[in-house]
Amino acid sequence: QFERLDLADREAIASLFTRYPIRRVVHLAAQAGVRYSL
């Protein structure tokens, strides 16, 4: 199942954890890239 959400959306992430019986989490989403951070 797919959820199009932004990590920075506090209410949306909180809702996600209440809507699904999440037992474990693999957190790989991030803003990547060294040069882009400059």
PDB file of all heavy atoms in Angstrom:
ATOM      1  N   GLN A   1       0.852  -1.191   0.000  1.00  0.00           N
ATOM      2  CA  GLN A   1       0.000   0.000   0.000  1.00  0.00           C
ATOM      3  C   GLN A   1       0.885   1.238   0.000  1.00  0.00           C
ATOM      4  O   GLN A   1       1.914   1.272   0.691  1.00  0.00           O
ATOM      5  CB  GLN A   1      -0.911   0.006   1.229  1.00  0.00           C
ATOM      6  CG  GLN A   1      -1.866  -1.180   1.263  1.00  0.00           C
ATOM      7  CD  GLN A   1      -2.766  -1.155   2.478  1.00  0.00           C
ATOM      8  OE1 GLN A   1      -3.638  -0.291   2.609  1.00  0.00           O
ATOM      9  NE2 GLN A   1      -2.563  -2.097   3.387  1.00  0.00           N
ATOM     10  N   PHE A   2       0.481   2.245  -0.763  1.00  0.00           N
ATOM     11  CA  PHE A   2       1.308   3.440  -0.911  1.00  0.00           C
ATOM     12  C   PHE A   2       0.634   4.667  -0.318  1.00  0.00           C
ATOM     13  O   PHE A   2      -0.571   4.868  -0.473  1.00  0.00           O
ATOM     14  CB  PHE A   2       1.612   3.703  -2.393  1.00  0.00           C
ATOM     15  CG  PHE A   2       2.420   4.954  -2.624  1.00  0.00           C
ATOM     16  CD1 PHE A   2       3.715   5.058  -2.136  1.00  0.00           C
ATOM     17  CD2 PHE A   2       1.880   6.026  -3.316  1.00  0.00           C
ATOM     18  CE1 PHE A   2       4.464   6.202  -2.338  1.00  0.00           C
ATOM     19  CE2 PHE A   2       2.622   7.180  -3.529  1.00  0.00           C
ATOM     20  CZ  PHE A   2       3.915   7.268  -3.036  1.00  0.00           C
ATOM     21  N   GLU A   3       1.435   5.470   0.375  1.00  0.00           N
ATOM     22  CA  GLU A   3       0.969   6.739   0.929  1.00  0.00           C
ATOM     23  C   GLU A   3       1.896   7.841   0.434  1.00  0.00           C
ATOM     24  O   GLU A   3       3.107   7.819   0.706  1.00  0.00           O
ATOM     25  CB  GLU A   3       0.996   6.706   2.463  1.00  0.00           C
ATOM     26  CG  GLU A   3       0.019   5.737   3.098  1.00  0.00           C
ATOM     27  CD  GLU A   3      -1.391   6.308   3.176  1.00  0.00           C
ATOM     28  OE1 GLU A   3      -1.547   7.544   3.060  1.00  0.00           O
ATOM     29  OE2 GLU A   3      -2.339   5.514   3.367  1.00  0.00           O
ATOM     30  N   ARG A   4       1.329   8.792  -0.312  1.00  0.00           N
ATOM     31  CA  ARG A   4       2.131   9.933  -0.764  1.00  0.00           C
ATOM     32  C   ARG A   4       2.064  11.013   0.309  1.00  0.00           C
ATOM     33  O   ARG A   4       1.078  11.754   0.415  1.00  0.00           O
ATOM     34  CB  ARG A   4       1.632  10.457  -2.106  1.00  0.00           C
ATOM     35  CG  ARG A   4       2.513  11.582  -2.648  1.00  0.00           C
ATOM     36  CD  ARG A   4       2.197  11.933  -4.077  1.00  0.00           C
ATOM     37  NE  ARG A   4       3.112  12.943  -4.579  1.00  0.00           N
ATOM     38  CZ  ARG A   4       3.198  13.332  -5.853  1.00  0.00           C
ATOM     39  NH1 ARG A   4       2.401  12.759  -6.768  1.00  0.00           N
ATOM     40  NH2 ARG A   4       4.056  14.262  -6.228  1.00  0.00           N
ATOM     41  N   LEU A   5       3.112  11.084   1.111  1.00  0.00           N
ATOM     42  CA  LEU A   5       3.155  12.009   2.236  1.00  0.00           C
ATOM     43  C   LEU A   5       4.533  12.651   2.336  1.00  0.00           C
ATOM     44  O   LEU A   5       5.534  12.074   1.896  1.00  0.00           O
ATOM     45  CB  LEU A   5       2.869  11.274   3.555  1.00  0.00           C
ATOM     46  CG  LEU A   5       1.493  10.642   3.748  1.00  0.00           C
ATOM     47  CD1 LEU A   5       1.466   9.868   5.059  1.00  0.00           C
ATOM     48  CD2 LEU A   5       0.411  11.702   3.736  1.00  0.00           C
ATOM     49  N   ASP A   6       4.568  13.817   2.970  1.00  0.00           N
ATOM     50  CA  ASP A   6       5.827  14.498   3.238  1.00  0.00           C
ATOM     51  C   ASP A   6       6.222  14.250   4.686  1.00  0.00           C
ATOM     52  O   ASP A   6       5.407  14.402   5.588  1.00  0.00           O
ATOM     53  CB  ASP A   6       5.682  16.000   2.976  1.00  0.00           C
ATOM     54  CG  ASP A   6       7.030  16.690   2.886  1.00  0.00           C
ATOM     55  OD1 ASP A   6       7.759  16.680   3.899  1.00  0.00           O
ATOM     56  OD2 ASP A   6       7.365  17.229   1.821  1.00  0.00           O
ATOM     57  N   LEU A   7       7.462  13.867   4.908  1.00  0.00           N
ATOM     58  CA  LEU A   7       7.935  13.589   6.262  1.00  0.00           C
ATOM     59  C   LEU A   7       7.745  14.759   7.212  1.00  0.00           C
ATOM     60  O   LEU A   7       7.529  14.563   8.411  1.00  0.00           O
ATOM     61  CB  LEU A   7       9.428  13.240   6.241  1.00  0.00           C
ATOM     62  CG  LEU A   7       9.868  11.895   5.693  1.00  0.00           C
ATOM     63  CD1 LEU A   7      11.385  11.833   5.668  1.00  0.00           C
ATOM     64  CD2 LEU A   7       9.294  10.765   6.525  1.00  0.00           C
ATOM     65  N   ALA A   8       7.856  15.967   6.682  1.00  0.00           N
ATOM     66  CA  ALA A   8       7.775  17.153   7.536  1.00  0.00           C
ATOM     67  C   ALA A   8       6.347  17.488   7.959  1.00  0.00           C
ATOM     68  O   ALA A   8       6.147  18.356   8.809  1.00  0.00           O
ATOM     69  CB  ALA A   8       8.393  18.353   6.818  1.00  0.00           C
ATOM     70  N   ASP A   9       5.354  16.799   7.400  1.00  0.00           N
ATOM     71  CA  ASP A   9       3.948  17.033   7.752  1.00  0.00           C
ATOM     72  C   ASP A   9       3.621  16.246   9.017  1.00  0.00           C
ATOM     73  O   ASP A   9       3.285  15.069   8.978  1.00  0.00           O
ATOM     74  CB  ASP A   9       3.047  16.593   6.585  1.00  0.00           C
ATOM     75  CG  ASP A   9       1.592  16.973   6.782  1.00  0.00           C
ATOM     76  OD1 ASP A   9       1.159  17.126   7.946  1.00  0.00           O
ATOM     77  OD2 ASP A   9       0.880  17.102   5.769  1.00  0.00           O
ATOM     78  N   ARG A  10       3.712  16.907  10.151  1.00  0.00           N
ATOM     79  CA  ARG A  10       3.591  16.237  11.451  1.00  0.00           C
ATOM     80  C   ARG A  10       2.261  15.517  11.610  1.00  0.00           C
ATOM     81  O   ARG A  10       2.220  14.359  12.030  1.00  0.00           O
ATOM     82  CB  ARG A  10       3.754  17.259  12.583  1.00  0.00           C
ATOM     83  CG  ARG A  10       3.763  16.621  13.972  1.00  0.00           C
ATOM     84  CD  ARG A  10       3.577  17.647  15.076  1.00  0.00           C
ATOM     85  NE  ARG A  10       4.557  18.723  14.999  1.00  0.00           N
ATOM     86  CZ  ARG A  10       4.594  19.741  15.867  1.00  0.00           C
ATOM     87  NH1 ARG A  10       3.689  19.810  16.839  1.00  0.00           N
ATOM     88  NH2 ARG A  10       5.508  20.680  15.759  1.00  0.00           N
ATOM     89  N   GLU A  11       1.182  16.185  11.271  1.00  0.00           N
ATOM     90  CA  GLU A  11      -0.147  15.580  11.459  1.00  0.00           C
ATOM     91  C   GLU A  11      -0.344  14.380  10.539  1.00  0.00           C
ATOM     92  O   GLU A  11      -0.932  13.368  10.940  1.00  0.00           O
ATOM     93  CB  GLU A  11      -1.233  16.629  11.224  1.00  0.00           C
ATOM     94  CG  GLU A  11      -1.271  17.713  12.288  1.00  0.00           C
ATOM     95  CD  GLU A  11      -2.404  18.708  12.059  1.00  0.00           C
ATOM     96  OE1 GLU A  11      -3.141  18.557  11.052  1.00  0.00           O
ATOM     97  OE2 GLU A  11      -2.538  19.633  12.877  1.00  0.00           O
ATOM     98  N   ALA A  12       0.140  14.483   9.299  1.00  0.00           N
ATOM     99  CA  ALA A  12      -0.022  13.381   8.352  1.00  0.00           C
ATOM    100  C   ALA A  12       0.759  12.143   8.790  1.00  0.00           C
ATOM    101  O   ALA A  12       0.274  11.011   8.676  1.00  0.00           O
ATOM    102  CB  ALA A  12       0.425  13.816   6.960  1.00  0.00           C
ATOM    103  N   ILE A  13       1.965  12.339   9.317  1.00  0.00           N
ATOM    104  CA  ILE A  13       2.779  11.205   9.778  1.00  0.00           C
ATOM    105  C   ILE A  13       2.147  10.585  11.025  1.00  0.00           C
ATOM    106  O   ILE A  13       2.078   9.352  11.147  1.00  0.00           O
ATOM    107  CB  ILE A  13       4.233  11.634  10.054  1.00  0.00           C
ATOM    108  CG1 ILE A  13       4.901  12.146   8.768  1.00  0.00           C
ATOM    109  CG2 ILE A  13       5.024  10.482  10.653  1.00  0.00           C
ATOM    110  CD1 ILE A  13       4.980  11.140   7.647  1.00  0.00           C
ATOM    111  N   ALA A  14       1.665  11.421  11.920  1.00  0.00           N
ATOM    112  CA  ALA A  14       0.997  10.893  13.120  1.00  0.00           C
ATOM    113  C   ALA A  14      -0.232  10.072  12.726  1.00  0.00           C
ATOM    114  O   ALA A  14      -0.487   8.994  13.280  1.00  0.00           O
ATOM    115  CB  ALA A  14       0.603  12.042  14.044  1.00  0.00           C
ATOM    116  N   SER A  15      -0.989  10.568  11.760  1.00  0.00           N
ATOM    117  CA  SER A  15      -2.180   9.858  11.287  1.00  0.00           C
ATOM    118  C   SER A  15      -1.813   8.520  10.654  1.00  0.00           C
ATOM    119  O   SER A  15      -2.503   7.514  10.835  1.00  0.00           O
ATOM    120  CB  SER A  15      -2.935  10.728  10.280  1.00  0.00           C
ATOM    121  OG  SER A  15      -3.986  10.001   9.675  1.00  0.00           O
ATOM    122  N   LEU A  16      -0.699   8.492   9.918  1.00  0.00           N
ATOM    123  CA  LEU A  16      -0.250   7.263   9.270  1.00  0.00           C
ATOM    124  C   LEU A  16      -0.061   6.141  10.294  1.00  0.00           C
ATOM    125  O   LEU A  16      -0.477   5.000  10.085  1.00  0.00           O
ATOM    126  CB  LEU A  16       1.064   7.535   8.535  1.00  0.00           C
ATOM    127  CG  LEU A  16       1.727   6.338   7.846  1.00  0.00           C
ATOM    128  CD1 LEU A  16       0.990   5.977   6.568  1.00  0.00           C
ATOM    129  CD2 LEU A  16       3.199   6.645   7.543  1.00  0.00           C
ATOM    130  N   PHE A  17       0.547   6.494  11.417  1.00  0.00           N
ATOM    131  CA  PHE A  17       0.823   5.486  12.448  1.00  0.00           C
ATOM    132  C   PHE A  17      -0.444   5.029  13.173  1.00  0.00           C
ATOM    133  O   PHE A  17      -0.445   3.966  13.781  1.00  0.00           O
ATOM    134  CB  PHE A  17       1.849   6.028  13.449  1.00  0.00           C
ATOM    135  CG  PHE A  17       3.279   5.883  13.008  1.00  0.00           C
ATOM    136  CD1 PHE A  17       3.889   6.884  12.256  1.00  0.00           C
ATOM    137  CD2 PHE A  17       4.011   4.757  13.331  1.00  0.00           C
ATOM    138  CE1 PHE A  17       5.210   6.753  11.843  1.00  0.00           C
ATOM    139  CE2 PHE A  17       5.327   4.618  12.923  1.00  0.00           C
ATOM    140  CZ  PHE A  17       5.932   5.614  12.179  1.00  0.00           C
ATOM    141  N   THR A  18      -1.493   5.820  13.109  1.00  0.00           N
ATOM    142  CA  THR A  18      -2.754   5.389  13.732  1.00  0.00           C
ATOM    143  C   THR A  18      -3.613   4.582  12.760  1.00  0.00           C
ATOM    144  O   THR A  18      -4.446   3.784  13.182  1.00  0.00           O
ATOM    145  CB  THR A  18      -3.564   6.592  14.247  1.00  0.00           C
ATOM    146  OG1 THR A  18      -3.891   7.457  13.146  1.00  0.00           O
ATOM    147  CG2 THR A  18      -2.776   7.376  15.286  1.00  0.00           C
ATOM    148  N   ARG A  19      -3.400   4.783  11.463  1.00  0.00           N
ATOM    149  CA  ARG A  19      -4.235   4.102  10.458  1.00  0.00           C
ATOM    150  C   ARG A  19      -3.729   2.719  10.073  1.00  0.00           C
ATOM    151  O   ARG A  19      -4.467   1.920   9.510  1.00  0.00           O
ATOM    152  CB  ARG A  19      -4.350   4.983   9.196  1.00  0.00           C
ATOM    153  CG  ARG A  19      -5.203   6.215   9.405  1.00  0.00           C
ATOM    154  CD  ARG A  19      -5.424   7.000   8.128  1.00  0.00           C
ATOM    155  NE  ARG A  19      -4.230   7.713   7.685  1.00  0.00           N
ATOM    156  CZ  ARG A  19      -3.533   7.433   6.601  1.00  0.00           C
ATOM    157  NH1 ARG A  19      -3.901   6.402   5.830  1.00  0.00           N
ATOM    158  NH2 ARG A  19      -2.477   8.143   6.261  1.00  0.00           N
ATOM    159  N   TYR A  20      -2.457   2.445  10.345  1.00  0.00           N
ATOM    160  CA  TYR A  20      -1.879   1.145   9.996  1.00  0.00           C
ATOM    161  C   TYR A  20      -1.288   0.476  11.239  1.00  0.00           C
ATOM    162  O   TYR A  20      -0.713   1.163  12.094  1.00  0.00           O
ATOM    163  CB  TYR A  20      -0.773   1.310   8.949  1.00  0.00           C
ATOM    164  CG  TYR A  20      -1.246   1.758   7.592  1.00  0.00           C
ATOM    165  CD1 TYR A  20      -1.205   3.096   7.221  1.00  0.00           C
ATOM    166  CD2 TYR A  20      -1.727   0.836   6.661  1.00  0.00           C
ATOM    167  CE1 TYR A  20      -1.630   3.526   5.963  1.00  0.00           C
ATOM    168  CE2 TYR A  20      -2.148   1.238   5.390  1.00  0.00           C
ATOM    169  CZ  TYR A  20      -2.098   2.589   5.060  1.00  0.00           C
ATOM    170  OH  TYR A  20      -2.513   2.995   3.808  1.00  0.00           O
ATOM    171  N   PRO A  21      -1.374  -0.847  11.322  1.00  0.00           N
ATOM    172  CA  PRO A  21      -0.764  -1.569  12.451  1.00  0.00           C
ATOM    173  C   PRO A  21       0.737  -1.784  12.212  1.00  0.00           C
ATOM    174  O   PRO A  21       1.194  -2.906  11.964  1.00  0.00           O
ATOM    175  CB  PRO A  21      -1.535  -2.896  12.463  1.00  0.00           C
ATOM    176  CG  PRO A  21      -1.888  -3.125  11.020  1.00  0.00           C
ATOM    177  CD  PRO A  21      -2.120  -1.762  10.427  1.00  0.00           C
ATOM    178  N   ILE A  22       1.501  -0.703  12.301  1.00  0.00           N
ATOM    179  CA  ILE A  22       2.923  -0.745  11.951  1.00  0.00           C
ATOM    180  C   ILE A  22       3.721  -1.355  13.104  1.00  0.00           C
ATOM    181  O   ILE A  22       3.759  -0.820  14.210  1.00  0.00           O
ATOM    182  CB  ILE A  22       3.432   0.672  11.621  1.00  0.00           C
ATOM    183  CG1 ILE A  22       2.722   1.199  10.365  1.00  0.00           C
ATOM    184  CG2 ILE A  22       4.944   0.669  11.418  1.00  0.00           C
ATOM    185  CD1 ILE A  22       2.921   2.677  10.108  1.00  0.00           C
ATOM    186  N   ARG A  23       4.389  -2.490  12.811  1.00  0.00           N
ATOM    187  CA  ARG A  23       5.187  -3.179  13.828  1.00  0.00           C
ATOM    188  C   ARG A  23       6.661  -2.776  13.761  1.00  0.00           C
ATOM    189  O   ARG A  23       7.334  -2.683  14.787  1.00  0.00           O
ATOM    190  CB  ARG A  23       5.088  -4.698  13.645  1.00  0.00           C
ATOM    191  CG  ARG A  23       3.709  -5.287  13.875  1.00  0.00           C
ATOM    192  CD  ARG A  23       3.744  -6.808  13.737  1.00  0.00           C
ATOM    193  NE  ARG A  23       4.178  -7.234  12.400  1.00  0.00           N
ATOM    194  CZ  ARG A  23       5.365  -7.772  12.119  1.00  0.00           C
ATOM    195  NH1 ARG A  23       6.256  -7.938  13.088  1.00  0.00           N
ATOM    196  NH2 ARG A  23       5.675  -8.148  10.887  1.00  0.00           N
ATOM    197  N   ARG A  24       7.148  -2.605  12.538  1.00  0.00           N
ATOM    198  CA  ARG A  24       8.550  -2.240  12.344  1.00  0.00           C
ATOM    199  C   ARG A  24       8.658  -1.157  11.276  1.00  0.00           C
ATOM    200  O   ARG A  24       7.786  -1.057  10.405  1.00  0.00           O
ATOM    201  CB  ARG A  24       9.378  -3.468  11.938  1.00  0.00           C
ATOM    202  CG  ARG A  24       9.611  -4.463  13.066  1.00  0.00           C
ATOM    203  CD  ARG A  24      10.300  -5.720  12.578  1.00  0.00           C
ATOM    204  NE  ARG A  24       9.388  -6.572  11.823  1.00  0.00           N
ATOM    205  CZ  ARG A  24       9.763  -7.627  11.101  1.00  0.00           C
ATOM    206  NH1 ARG A  24      11.040  -7.949  11.028  1.00  0.00           N
ATOM    207  NH2 ARG A  24       8.885  -8.349  10.466  1.00  0.00           N
ATOM    208  N   VAL A  25       9.732  -0.394  11.346  1.00  0.00           N
ATOM    209  CA  VAL A  25       9.914   0.731  10.419  1.00  0.00           C
ATOM    210  C   VAL A  25      11.316   0.686   9.824  1.00  0.00           C
ATOM    211  O   VAL A  25      12.304   0.524  10.545  1.00  0.00           O
ATOM    212  CB  VAL A  25       9.706   2.081  11.137  1.00  0.00           C
ATOM    213  CG1 VAL A  25       9.999   3.246  10.190  1.00  0.00           C
ATOM    214  CG2 VAL A  25       8.293   2.182  11.689  1.00  0.00           C
ATOM    215  N   VAL A  26      11.373   0.822   8.492  1.00  0.00           N
ATOM    216  CA  VAL A  26      12.644   1.033   7.794  1.00  0.00           C
ATOM    217  C   VAL A  26      12.590   2.452   7.235  1.00  0.00           C
ATOM    218  O   VAL A  26      11.863   2.727   6.274  1.00  0.00           O
ATOM    219  CB  VAL A  26      12.855   0.013   6.658  1.00  0.00           C
ATOM    220  CG1 VAL A  26      14.212   0.251   5.989  1.00  0.00           C
ATOM    221  CG2 VAL A  26      12.768  -1.413   7.181  1.00  0.00           C
ATOM    222  N   HIS A  27      13.329   3.341   7.865  1.00  0.00           N
ATOM    223  CA  HIS A  27      13.255   4.766   7.505  1.00  0.00           C
ATOM    224  C   HIS A  27      14.409   5.120   6.573  1.00  0.00           C
ATOM    225  O   HIS A  27      15.553   5.292   6.994  1.00  0.00           O
ATOM    226  CB  HIS A  27      13.310   5.627   8.769  1.00  0.00           C
ATOM    227  CG  HIS A  27      13.282   7.093   8.470  1.00  0.00           C
ATOM    228  ND1 HIS A  27      12.306   7.680   7.689  1.00  0.00           N
ATOM    229  CD2 HIS A  27      14.129   8.088   8.838  1.00  0.00           C
ATOM    230  CE1 HIS A  27      12.550   8.978   7.595  1.00  0.00           C
ATOM    231  NE2 HIS A  27      13.654   9.251   8.275  1.00  0.00           N
ATOM    232  N   LEU A  28      14.092   5.222   5.273  1.00  0.00           N
ATOM    233  CA  LEU A  28      15.095   5.499   4.245  1.00  0.00           C
ATOM    234  C   LEU A  28      14.854   6.829   3.541  1.00  0.00           C
ATOM    235  O   LEU A  28      15.705   7.289   2.770  1.00  0.00           O
ATOM    236  CB  LEU A  28      15.115   4.357   3.218  1.00  0.00           C
ATOM    237  CG  LEU A  28      15.421   2.970   3.803  1.00  0.00           C
ATOM    238  CD1 LEU A  28      15.145   1.878   2.775  1.00  0.00           C
ATOM    239  CD2 LEU A  28      16.863   2.896   4.287  1.00  0.00           C
ATOM    240  N   ALA A  29      13.700   7.439   3.770  1.00  0.00           N
ATOM    241  CA  ALA A  29      13.394   8.723   3.137  1.00  0.00           C
ATOM    242  C   ALA A  29      14.283   9.815   3.735  1.00  0.00           C
ATOM    243  O   ALA A  29      14.466   9.879   4.949  1.00  0.00           O
ATOM    244  CB  ALA A  29      11.920   9.074   3.349  1.00  0.00           C
ATOM    245  N   ALA A  30      14.831  10.640   2.878  1.00  0.00           N
ATOM    246  CA  ALA A  30      15.678  11.753   3.324  1.00  0.00           C
ATOM    247  C   ALA A  30      15.979  12.631   2.130  1.00  0.00           C
ATOM    248  O   ALA A  30      15.838  12.196   0.983  1.00  0.00           O
ATOM    249  CB  ALA A  30      16.988  11.230   3.917  1.00  0.00           C
ATOM    250  N   GLN A  31      16.403  13.849   2.417  1.00  0.00           N
ATOM    251  CA  GLN A  31      16.962  14.660   1.339  1.00  0.00           C
ATOM    252  C   GLN A  31      18.407  14.231   1.176  1.00  0.00           C
ATOM    253  O   GLN A  31      19.213  14.401   2.083  1.00  0.00           O
ATOM    254  CB  GLN A  31      16.872  16.148   1.647  1.00  0.00           C
ATOM    255  CG  GLN A  31      17.465  17.031   0.558  1.00  0.00           C
ATOM    256  CD  GLN A  31      16.848  16.768  -0.811  1.00  0.00           C
ATOM    257  OE1 GLN A  31      15.657  16.980  -1.005  1.00  0.00           O
ATOM    258  NE2 GLN A  31      17.648  16.297  -1.761  1.00  0.00           N
ATOM    259  N   ALA A  32      18.709  13.624   0.052  1.00  0.00           N
ATOM    260  CA  ALA A  32      20.038  13.059  -0.181  1.00  0.00           C
ATOM    261  C   ALA A  32      20.937  14.060  -0.895  1.00  0.00           C
ATOM    262  O   ALA A  32      20.481  15.106  -1.371  1.00  0.00           O
ATOM    263  CB  ALA A  32      19.909  11.777  -1.001  1.00  0.00           C
ATOM    264  N   GLY A  33      22.215  13.715  -0.973  1.00  0.00           N
ATOM    265  CA  GLY A  33      23.162  14.480  -1.776  1.00  0.00           C
ATOM    266  C   GLY A  33      23.993  15.459  -0.971  1.00  0.00           C
ATOM    267  O   GLY A  33      23.452  16.306  -0.268  1.00  0.00           O
ATOM    268  N   VAL A  34      25.310  15.335  -1.076  1.00  0.00           N
ATOM    269  CA  VAL A  34      26.216  16.241  -0.383  1.00  0.00           C
ATOM    270  C   VAL A  34      26.228  17.615  -1.053  1.00  0.00           C
ATOM    271  O   VAL A  34      26.080  18.651  -0.406  1.00  0.00           O
ATOM    272  CB  VAL A  34      27.638  15.654  -0.343  1.00  0.00           C
ATOM    273  CG1 VAL A  34      28.655  16.700   0.104  1.00  0.00           C
ATOM    274  CG2 VAL A  34      27.685  14.443   0.592  1.00  0.00           C
ATOM    275  N   ARG A  35      26.377  17.641  -2.379  1.00  0.00           N
ATOM    276  CA  ARG A  35      26.550  18.921  -3.078  1.00  0.00           C
ATOM    277  C   ARG A  35      25.287  19.765  -3.054  1.00  0.00           C
ATOM    278  O   ARG A  35      25.328  20.987  -2.957  1.00  0.00           O
ATOM    279  CB  ARG A  35      27.009  18.657  -4.517  1.00  0.00           C
ATOM    280  CG  ARG A  35      28.414  18.060  -4.578  1.00  0.00           C
ATOM    281  CD  ARG A  35      28.761  17.461  -5.916  1.00  0.00           C
ATOM    282  NE  ARG A  35      29.993  16.669  -5.822  1.00  0.00           N
ATOM    283  CZ  ARG A  35      30.366  15.786  -6.707  1.00  0.00           C
ATOM    284  NH1 ARG A  35      29.616  15.552  -7.781  1.00  0.00           N
ATOM    285  NH2 ARG A  35      31.493  15.105  -6.548  1.00  0.00           N
ATOM    286  N   TYR A  36      24.133  19.108  -3.131  1.00  0.00           N
ATOM    287  CA  TYR A  36      22.848  19.834  -3.098  1.00  0.00           C
ATOM    288  C   TYR A  36      22.664  20.559  -1.775  1.00  0.00           C
ATOM    289  O   TYR A  36      22.020  21.605  -1.710  1.00  0.00           O
ATOM    290  CB  TYR A  36      21.722  18.831  -3.334  1.00  0.00           C
ATOM    291  CG  TYR A  36      20.345  19.422  -3.539  1.00  0.00           C
ATOM    292  CD1 TYR A  36      20.056  20.168  -4.678  1.00  0.00           C
ATOM    293  CD2 TYR A  36      19.328  19.222  -2.615  1.00  0.00           C
ATOM    294  CE1 TYR A  36      18.787  20.694  -4.884  1.00  0.00           C
ATOM    295  CE2 TYR A  36      18.059  19.744  -2.808  1.00  0.00           C
ATOM    296  CZ  TYR A  36      17.792  20.478  -3.943  1.00  0.00           C
ATOM    297  OH  TYR A  36      16.530  20.993  -4.141  1.00  0.00           O
ATOM    298  N   SER A  37      23.274  20.033  -0.707  1.00  0.00           N
ATOM    299  CA  SER A  37      23.117  20.658   0.615  1.00  0.00           C
ATOM    300  C   SER A  37      23.833  22.003   0.699  1.00  0.00           C
ATOM    301  O   SER A  37      23.547  22.813   1.585  1.00  0.00           O
ATOM    302  CB  SER A  37      23.619  19.724   1.717  1.00  0.00           C
ATOM    303  OG  SER A  37      25.028  19.576   1.676  1.00  0.00           O
ATOM    304  N   LEU A  38      24.762  22.253  -0.223  1.00  0.00           N
ATOM    305  CA  LEU A  38      25.461  23.529  -0.230  1.00  0.00           C
ATOM    306  C   LEU A  38      24.559  24.662  -0.706  1.00  0.00           C
ATOM    307  O   LEU A  38      24.749  25.822  -0.331  1.00  0.00           O
ATOM    308  CB  LEU A  38      26.701  23.458  -1.131  1.00  0.00           C
ATOM    309  CG  LEU A  38      27.745  22.385  -0.785  1.00  0.00           C
ATOM    310  CD1 LEU A  38      28.876  22.406  -1.796  1.00  0.00           C
ATOM    311  CD2 LEU A  38      28.272  22.579   0.619  1.00  0.00           C
TER     312      LEU A  38
END
